[in-house]
């Protein structure tokens, strides 16, 4: 009885082949280009920025004011010191009226 070297070699070869198959299957079908995920010109989908590039405290104050007014909103971090306040596009006019008055 001895050590059979073919078992670990076969396991290694199968693992490498599986890694290549998984990489091929989950590779993006096209390059990731287009508009940025945040900032000016970002594709926000169903959301609209009602306050852009504000400080953290100002963004949180606006978020709390909108939430108290019944508008669903969220804060998106742009970088270390800048935030956007986002609302659903259907609620954007109501949010702007709340912020004006």
N, C-alpha and C. Protein backbone atom coordinates (compact mmCIF):
# COMPACT_ATOMS: atom_id res chain seq x y z
N UNK A 1 0.83 -1.17 0.00
CA UNK A 1 0.00 0.00 0.00
C UNK A 1 0.87 1.24 0.00
N UNK A 2 0.56 2.11 -0.89
CA UNK A 2 1.32 3.34 -0.99
C UNK A 2 0.40 4.50 -1.30
N UNK A 3 1.01 5.61 -1.43
CA UNK A 3 0.25 6.84 -1.70
C UNK A 3 0.02 6.94 -3.21
N UNK A 4 -1.24 7.11 -3.60
CA UNK A 4 -1.59 7.21 -5.01
C UNK A 4 -1.62 8.70 -5.40
N UNK A 5 -0.67 9.15 -6.17
CA UNK A 5 -0.52 10.54 -6.55
C UNK A 5 -1.56 10.96 -7.59
N UNK A 6 -2.18 10.03 -8.26
CA UNK A 6 -3.13 10.39 -9.31
C UNK A 6 -4.42 11.02 -8.74
N UNK A 7 -4.80 10.71 -7.51
CA UNK A 7 -6.02 11.25 -6.92
C UNK A 7 -5.91 12.76 -6.70
N UNK A 8 -4.88 13.30 -6.01
CA UNK A 8 -4.81 14.75 -5.85
C UNK A 8 -4.58 15.49 -7.17
N UNK A 9 -3.84 14.88 -8.09
CA UNK A 9 -3.62 15.52 -9.40
C UNK A 9 -4.94 15.61 -10.16
N UNK A 10 -5.73 14.55 -10.15
CA UNK A 10 -7.03 14.57 -10.82
C UNK A 10 -7.95 15.61 -10.18
N UNK A 11 -7.96 15.70 -8.85
CA UNK A 11 -8.79 16.68 -8.15
C UNK A 11 -8.37 18.11 -8.53
N UNK A 12 -7.06 18.34 -8.61
CA UNK A 12 -6.56 19.66 -8.99
C UNK A 12 -6.96 20.02 -10.42
N UNK A 13 -6.81 19.09 -11.34
CA UNK A 13 -7.16 19.33 -12.74
C UNK A 13 -8.66 19.62 -12.87
N UNK A 14 -9.50 18.87 -12.16
CA UNK A 14 -10.94 19.10 -12.20
C UNK A 14 -11.28 20.48 -11.62
N UNK A 15 -10.63 20.89 -10.53
CA UNK A 15 -10.88 22.20 -9.93
C UNK A 15 -10.48 23.33 -10.88
N UNK A 16 -9.36 23.19 -11.57
CA UNK A 16 -8.92 24.21 -12.52
C UNK A 16 -9.89 24.30 -13.70
N UNK A 17 -10.32 23.16 -14.20
CA UNK A 17 -11.28 23.17 -15.31
C UNK A 17 -12.60 23.79 -14.87
N UNK A 18 -13.05 23.49 -13.67
CA UNK A 18 -14.28 24.07 -13.15
C UNK A 18 -14.15 25.59 -13.00
N UNK A 19 -12.99 26.06 -12.56
CA UNK A 19 -12.76 27.50 -12.43
C UNK A 19 -12.85 28.19 -13.79
N UNK A 20 -12.29 27.60 -14.82
CA UNK A 20 -12.37 28.19 -16.17
C UNK A 20 -13.81 28.20 -16.68
N UNK A 21 -14.55 27.13 -16.44
CA UNK A 21 -15.94 27.08 -16.90
C UNK A 21 -16.77 28.14 -16.18
N UNK A 22 -16.61 28.27 -14.87
CA UNK A 22 -17.37 29.26 -14.10
C UNK A 22 -17.02 30.67 -14.55
N UNK A 23 -15.75 30.93 -14.79
CA UNK A 23 -15.34 32.25 -15.27
C UNK A 23 -15.95 32.56 -16.63
N UNK A 24 -16.01 31.58 -17.51
CA UNK A 24 -16.58 31.77 -18.83
C UNK A 24 -18.10 32.00 -18.74
N UNK A 25 -18.78 31.25 -17.88
CA UNK A 25 -20.24 31.36 -17.77
C UNK A 25 -20.64 32.70 -17.20
N UNK A 26 -19.95 33.19 -16.19
CA UNK A 26 -20.34 34.41 -15.50
C UNK A 26 -19.66 35.67 -16.02
N UNK A 27 -18.95 35.57 -17.14
CA UNK A 27 -18.32 36.74 -17.74
C UNK A 27 -19.41 37.64 -18.31
N UNK A 28 -19.29 38.98 -18.17
CA UNK A 28 -20.29 39.87 -18.76
C UNK A 28 -20.37 39.67 -20.27
N UNK A 29 -21.58 39.74 -20.80
CA UNK A 29 -21.75 39.50 -22.23
C UNK A 29 -21.26 40.67 -23.07
N UNK A 30 -21.21 41.86 -22.46
CA UNK A 30 -20.69 43.04 -23.15
C UNK A 30 -19.93 43.90 -22.16
N UNK A 31 -19.05 44.73 -22.64
CA UNK A 31 -18.26 45.56 -21.73
C UNK A 31 -19.15 46.53 -20.95
N UNK A 32 -18.74 46.84 -19.74
CA UNK A 32 -19.50 47.74 -18.89
C UNK A 32 -19.14 49.18 -19.23
N UNK A 33 -19.97 49.77 -20.06
CA UNK A 33 -19.79 51.16 -20.44
C UNK A 33 -21.09 51.88 -20.21
N UNK A 34 -21.06 53.16 -20.34
CA UNK A 34 -22.29 53.91 -20.19
C UNK A 34 -22.17 54.93 -19.09
N UNK A 35 -23.31 55.30 -18.55
CA UNK A 35 -23.36 56.35 -17.56
C UNK A 35 -22.88 55.84 -16.20
N UNK A 36 -22.31 56.73 -15.40
CA UNK A 36 -21.80 56.32 -14.11
C UNK A 36 -22.93 55.92 -13.16
N UNK A 37 -22.58 55.19 -12.10
CA UNK A 37 -23.57 54.72 -11.13
C UNK A 37 -24.04 55.83 -10.20
N UNK A 38 -23.28 56.91 -10.08
CA UNK A 38 -23.70 58.03 -9.24
C UNK A 38 -23.10 59.32 -9.78
N UNK A 39 -23.60 60.43 -9.25
CA UNK A 39 -23.10 61.73 -9.68
C UNK A 39 -23.91 62.28 -10.84
N UNK A 40 -23.49 63.41 -11.38
CA UNK A 40 -24.22 64.02 -12.49
C UNK A 40 -24.29 63.08 -13.69
N UNK A 41 -25.44 62.96 -14.28
CA UNK A 41 -25.61 62.09 -15.44
C UNK A 41 -25.77 60.63 -15.10
N UNK A 42 -25.94 60.30 -13.84
CA UNK A 42 -26.08 58.91 -13.45
C UNK A 42 -27.45 58.37 -13.83
N UNK A 43 -27.49 57.11 -14.18
CA UNK A 43 -28.77 56.46 -14.46
C UNK A 43 -29.31 55.93 -13.14
N UNK A 44 -30.27 56.63 -12.58
CA UNK A 44 -30.81 56.28 -11.26
C UNK A 44 -32.08 55.46 -11.35
N UNK A 45 -32.47 55.08 -12.54
CA UNK A 45 -33.66 54.25 -12.70
C UNK A 45 -34.92 55.01 -12.31
N UNK A 46 -35.62 54.53 -11.29
CA UNK A 46 -36.88 55.13 -10.86
C UNK A 46 -36.67 56.27 -9.87
N UNK A 47 -35.43 56.60 -9.56
CA UNK A 47 -35.14 57.64 -8.57
C UNK A 47 -34.71 58.94 -9.24
N UNK A 48 -34.94 60.04 -8.52
CA UNK A 48 -34.54 61.37 -8.97
C UNK A 48 -33.86 62.08 -7.81
N UNK A 49 -32.79 62.78 -8.08
CA UNK A 49 -32.10 63.54 -7.04
C UNK A 49 -32.83 64.87 -6.84
N UNK A 50 -33.25 65.13 -5.59
CA UNK A 50 -33.88 66.42 -5.28
C UNK A 50 -32.89 67.35 -4.58
N UNK A 51 -31.80 66.79 -4.11
CA UNK A 51 -30.72 67.59 -3.53
C UNK A 51 -29.43 66.90 -3.93
N UNK A 52 -28.54 67.63 -4.57
CA UNK A 52 -27.32 67.02 -5.07
C UNK A 52 -26.08 67.58 -4.43
N UNK A 53 -25.13 66.73 -4.20
CA UNK A 53 -23.79 67.09 -3.72
C UNK A 53 -23.83 67.97 -2.48
N UNK A 54 -24.55 67.52 -1.48
CA UNK A 54 -24.67 68.26 -0.22
C UNK A 54 -23.81 67.60 0.85
N UNK A 55 -23.59 68.33 1.91
CA UNK A 55 -22.89 67.76 3.05
C UNK A 55 -23.77 66.74 3.76
N UNK A 56 -23.15 65.93 4.61
CA UNK A 56 -23.88 64.86 5.28
C UNK A 56 -25.01 65.39 6.15
N UNK A 57 -24.72 66.38 6.97
CA UNK A 57 -25.75 66.89 7.88
C UNK A 57 -26.91 67.51 7.11
N UNK A 58 -26.61 68.26 6.04
CA UNK A 58 -27.67 68.86 5.24
C UNK A 58 -28.51 67.78 4.56
N UNK A 59 -27.87 66.75 4.02
CA UNK A 59 -28.60 65.67 3.36
C UNK A 59 -29.50 64.94 4.34
N UNK A 60 -29.01 64.68 5.54
CA UNK A 60 -29.84 63.99 6.54
C UNK A 60 -30.99 64.86 7.01
N UNK A 61 -30.76 66.18 7.13
CA UNK A 61 -31.84 67.09 7.51
C UNK A 61 -32.94 67.09 6.45
N UNK A 62 -32.55 67.14 5.18
CA UNK A 62 -33.52 67.12 4.09
C UNK A 62 -34.25 65.78 4.06
N UNK A 63 -33.53 64.70 4.26
CA UNK A 63 -34.16 63.37 4.27
C UNK A 63 -35.20 63.29 5.38
N UNK A 64 -34.87 63.76 6.58
CA UNK A 64 -35.82 63.72 7.68
C UNK A 64 -37.04 64.59 7.40
N UNK A 65 -36.84 65.73 6.78
CA UNK A 65 -37.95 66.63 6.44
C UNK A 65 -38.88 65.97 5.42
N UNK A 66 -38.30 65.33 4.42
CA UNK A 66 -39.11 64.65 3.41
C UNK A 66 -39.85 63.45 4.01
N UNK A 67 -39.17 62.70 4.84
CA UNK A 67 -39.81 61.54 5.48
C UNK A 67 -40.98 61.99 6.35
N UNK A 68 -40.81 63.09 7.07
CA UNK A 68 -41.89 63.61 7.90
C UNK A 68 -43.07 64.07 7.05
N UNK A 69 -42.80 64.49 5.81
CA UNK A 69 -43.85 64.92 4.90
C UNK A 69 -44.47 63.78 4.11
N UNK A 70 -44.05 62.56 4.38
CA UNK A 70 -44.65 61.40 3.71
C UNK A 70 -44.03 61.03 2.38
N UNK A 71 -42.85 61.53 2.11
CA UNK A 71 -42.16 61.20 0.86
C UNK A 71 -41.10 60.14 1.14
N UNK A 72 -41.15 59.04 0.38
CA UNK A 72 -40.12 57.99 0.53
C UNK A 72 -38.83 58.49 -0.10
N UNK A 73 -37.75 58.45 0.65
CA UNK A 73 -36.49 58.99 0.16
C UNK A 73 -35.32 58.21 0.74
N UNK A 74 -34.17 58.44 0.16
CA UNK A 74 -32.94 57.82 0.63
C UNK A 74 -31.78 58.77 0.37
N UNK A 75 -30.65 58.49 1.02
CA UNK A 75 -29.45 59.29 0.84
C UNK A 75 -28.40 58.41 0.16
N UNK A 76 -27.78 58.95 -0.88
CA UNK A 76 -26.76 58.23 -1.62
C UNK A 76 -25.42 58.95 -1.44
N UNK A 77 -24.40 58.21 -1.05
CA UNK A 77 -23.08 58.79 -0.84
C UNK A 77 -22.32 58.88 -2.16
N UNK A 78 -21.87 60.09 -2.50
CA UNK A 78 -21.10 60.27 -3.72
C UNK A 78 -19.61 60.06 -3.48
N UNK A 79 -19.10 60.68 -2.42
CA UNK A 79 -17.71 60.48 -2.02
C UNK A 79 -17.65 60.74 -0.51
N UNK A 80 -16.48 61.02 0.02
CA UNK A 80 -16.32 61.14 1.46
C UNK A 80 -17.15 62.26 2.07
N UNK A 81 -17.40 63.33 1.34
CA UNK A 81 -18.07 64.50 1.92
C UNK A 81 -19.34 64.94 1.19
N UNK A 82 -19.76 64.23 0.17
CA UNK A 82 -20.90 64.68 -0.63
C UNK A 82 -21.95 63.59 -0.75
N UNK A 83 -23.22 64.01 -0.64
CA UNK A 83 -24.35 63.09 -0.65
C UNK A 83 -25.46 63.65 -1.54
N UNK A 84 -26.26 62.75 -2.12
CA UNK A 84 -27.47 63.10 -2.85
C UNK A 84 -28.67 62.61 -2.05
N UNK A 85 -29.77 63.35 -2.12
CA UNK A 85 -31.03 62.87 -1.56
C UNK A 85 -31.89 62.46 -2.74
N UNK A 86 -32.33 61.20 -2.74
CA UNK A 86 -33.05 60.63 -3.86
C UNK A 86 -34.49 60.30 -3.46
N UNK A 87 -35.42 60.56 -4.37
CA UNK A 87 -36.83 60.21 -4.19
C UNK A 87 -37.31 59.51 -5.46
N UNK A 88 -38.45 58.83 -5.35
CA UNK A 88 -39.04 58.25 -6.54
C UNK A 88 -39.48 59.38 -7.47
N UNK A 89 -39.36 59.15 -8.77
CA UNK A 89 -39.68 60.18 -9.76
C UNK A 89 -41.12 60.68 -9.60
N UNK A 90 -42.03 59.79 -9.26
CA UNK A 90 -43.43 60.19 -9.08
C UNK A 90 -43.61 61.14 -7.89
N UNK A 91 -42.71 61.07 -6.92
CA UNK A 91 -42.80 61.92 -5.72
C UNK A 91 -41.91 63.16 -5.79
N UNK A 92 -41.22 63.37 -6.91
CA UNK A 92 -40.24 64.46 -7.00
C UNK A 92 -40.89 65.83 -6.84
N UNK A 93 -42.04 66.05 -7.46
CA UNK A 93 -42.70 67.37 -7.35
C UNK A 93 -43.13 67.64 -5.91
N UNK A 94 -43.70 66.64 -5.26
CA UNK A 94 -44.10 66.80 -3.86
C UNK A 94 -42.89 67.09 -2.98
N UNK A 95 -41.78 66.40 -3.25
CA UNK A 95 -40.56 66.61 -2.47
C UNK A 95 -40.03 68.03 -2.66
N UNK A 96 -40.05 68.52 -3.88
CA UNK A 96 -39.56 69.88 -4.13
C UNK A 96 -40.45 70.93 -3.46
N UNK A 97 -41.77 70.70 -3.46
CA UNK A 97 -42.68 71.62 -2.76
C UNK A 97 -42.41 71.63 -1.26
N UNK A 98 -42.16 70.45 -0.69
CA UNK A 98 -41.86 70.38 0.75
C UNK A 98 -40.55 71.11 1.07
N UNK A 99 -39.59 71.03 0.18
CA UNK A 99 -38.31 71.68 0.43
C UNK A 99 -38.40 73.20 0.25
N UNK A 100 -39.28 73.65 -0.61
CA UNK A 100 -39.43 75.09 -0.82
C UNK A 100 -40.18 75.76 0.33
N UNK A 101 -41.19 75.07 0.87
CA UNK A 101 -42.03 75.69 1.89
C UNK A 101 -41.71 75.33 3.29
